[in-house]
């Protein structure tokens, strides 16, 4: 394998790590923020909704990481992360945040 192909693979790996880890964090935190606003609106006590959303954040981030590294196409992964972040922001906006 020529060295130029190896270098391009390393840049792709670094780019994938940045997109999945950084973008996954942003997407999961936006979804957690949206859940923290929606759960009290659905009838849960406010502090319980925030704690539940915070605990679910670990599971959501793990699922986002697995999804991000399981996909072959980086563009599809980035689009999925944007959709997840948008969903979280939409949930927060629906409750008047």
Protein backbone atom coordinates (compact mmCIF):
# COMPACT_ATOMS: atom_id res chain seq x y z
CA UNK A 1 0.00 0.00 0.00
CA UNK A 2 1.48 3.40 -0.95
CA UNK A 3 2.19 5.88 1.82
CA UNK A 4 -0.29 8.43 0.44
CA UNK A 5 -3.13 5.98 0.95
CA UNK A 6 -2.01 5.34 4.51
CA UNK A 7 -1.89 9.06 5.28
CA UNK A 8 -5.36 9.61 3.89
CA UNK A 9 -6.65 6.73 6.00
CA UNK A 10 -5.21 8.30 9.14
CA UNK A 11 -6.88 11.63 8.38
CA UNK A 12 -10.15 9.82 7.80
CA UNK A 13 -9.82 8.01 11.13
CA UNK A 14 -9.06 11.26 12.96
CA UNK A 15 -11.99 12.96 11.24
CA UNK A 16 -14.29 10.09 12.18
CA UNK A 17 -13.15 10.27 15.80
CA UNK A 18 -13.78 14.01 15.95
CA UNK A 19 -17.20 13.73 14.31
CA UNK A 20 -18.39 10.78 16.36
CA UNK A 21 -16.99 11.75 19.77
CA UNK A 22 -17.50 15.51 19.51
CA UNK A 23 -20.69 15.42 17.51
CA UNK A 24 -22.03 12.58 19.62
CA UNK A 25 -21.47 14.62 22.76
CA UNK A 26 -23.25 17.63 21.29
CA UNK A 27 -26.13 15.51 19.99
CA UNK A 28 -26.62 13.59 23.22
CA UNK A 29 -26.40 16.71 25.38
CA UNK A 30 -29.00 18.45 23.20
CA UNK A 31 -31.28 15.43 23.50
CA UNK A 32 -30.76 15.31 27.28
CA UNK A 33 -31.58 19.02 27.54
CA UNK A 34 -34.75 18.46 25.54
CA UNK A 35 -35.74 15.48 27.69
CA UNK A 36 -35.08 17.46 30.86
CA UNK A 37 -37.57 20.06 29.62
CA UNK A 38 -40.18 17.59 28.35
CA UNK A 39 -40.34 15.14 31.27
CA UNK A 40 -41.65 17.71 33.80
CA UNK A 41 -44.08 18.93 31.16
CA UNK A 42 -45.40 15.34 30.93
CA UNK A 43 -46.14 15.27 34.66
CA UNK A 44 -42.91 14.14 36.28
CA UNK A 45 -41.60 16.22 39.20
CA UNK A 46 -39.05 18.68 37.83
CA UNK A 47 -36.03 17.42 39.78
CA UNK A 48 -36.91 13.81 38.96
CA UNK A 49 -37.18 14.67 35.28
CA UNK A 50 -33.81 16.36 35.28
CA UNK A 51 -32.16 13.46 37.13
CA UNK A 52 -33.78 10.88 34.84
CA UNK A 53 -32.72 12.80 31.74
CA UNK A 54 -29.18 13.13 33.10
CA UNK A 55 -28.93 9.41 33.79
CA UNK A 56 -30.35 8.60 30.37
CA UNK A 57 -27.65 10.84 28.91
CA UNK A 58 -25.02 8.18 29.55
CA UNK A 59 -27.07 5.56 27.71
CA UNK A 60 -27.87 7.98 24.89
CA UNK A 61 -24.19 8.90 24.45
CA UNK A 62 -23.20 5.24 24.40
CA UNK A 63 -25.86 4.49 21.78
CA UNK A 64 -24.75 7.46 19.68
CA UNK A 65 -21.12 6.31 19.85
CA UNK A 66 -22.05 2.77 18.81
CA UNK A 67 -24.21 4.11 15.99
CA UNK A 68 -21.43 6.44 14.84
CA UNK A 69 -18.73 3.80 14.73
CA UNK A 70 -21.01 1.15 13.21
CA UNK A 71 -21.80 3.26 10.14
CA UNK A 72 -19.49 2.99 7.16
CA UNK A 73 -20.28 6.40 5.70
CA UNK A 74 -19.11 9.40 7.67
CA UNK A 75 -21.56 11.76 5.98
CA UNK A 76 -24.50 9.58 7.02
CA UNK A 77 -23.16 9.55 10.58
CA UNK A 78 -22.89 13.36 10.62
CA UNK A 79 -26.45 13.69 9.30
CA UNK A 80 -27.73 11.31 11.98
CA UNK A 81 -25.99 13.33 14.68
CA UNK A 82 -27.52 16.54 13.34
CA UNK A 83 -30.96 14.93 13.36
CA UNK A 84 -30.51 13.78 16.98
CA UNK A 85 -29.35 17.24 18.04
CA UNK A 86 -32.23 18.83 16.17
CA UNK A 87 -34.69 16.50 17.88
CA UNK A 88 -33.36 17.53 21.28
CA UNK A 89 -33.55 21.21 20.42
CA UNK A 90 -37.05 20.74 19.04
CA UNK A 91 -38.16 19.07 22.28
CA UNK A 92 -36.78 21.98 24.28
CA UNK A 93 -38.45 24.50 21.98
CA UNK A 94 -41.85 22.76 22.23
CA UNK A 95 -41.89 23.30 25.98
CA UNK A 96 -41.07 26.98 25.66
CA UNK A 97 -37.40 26.90 26.62
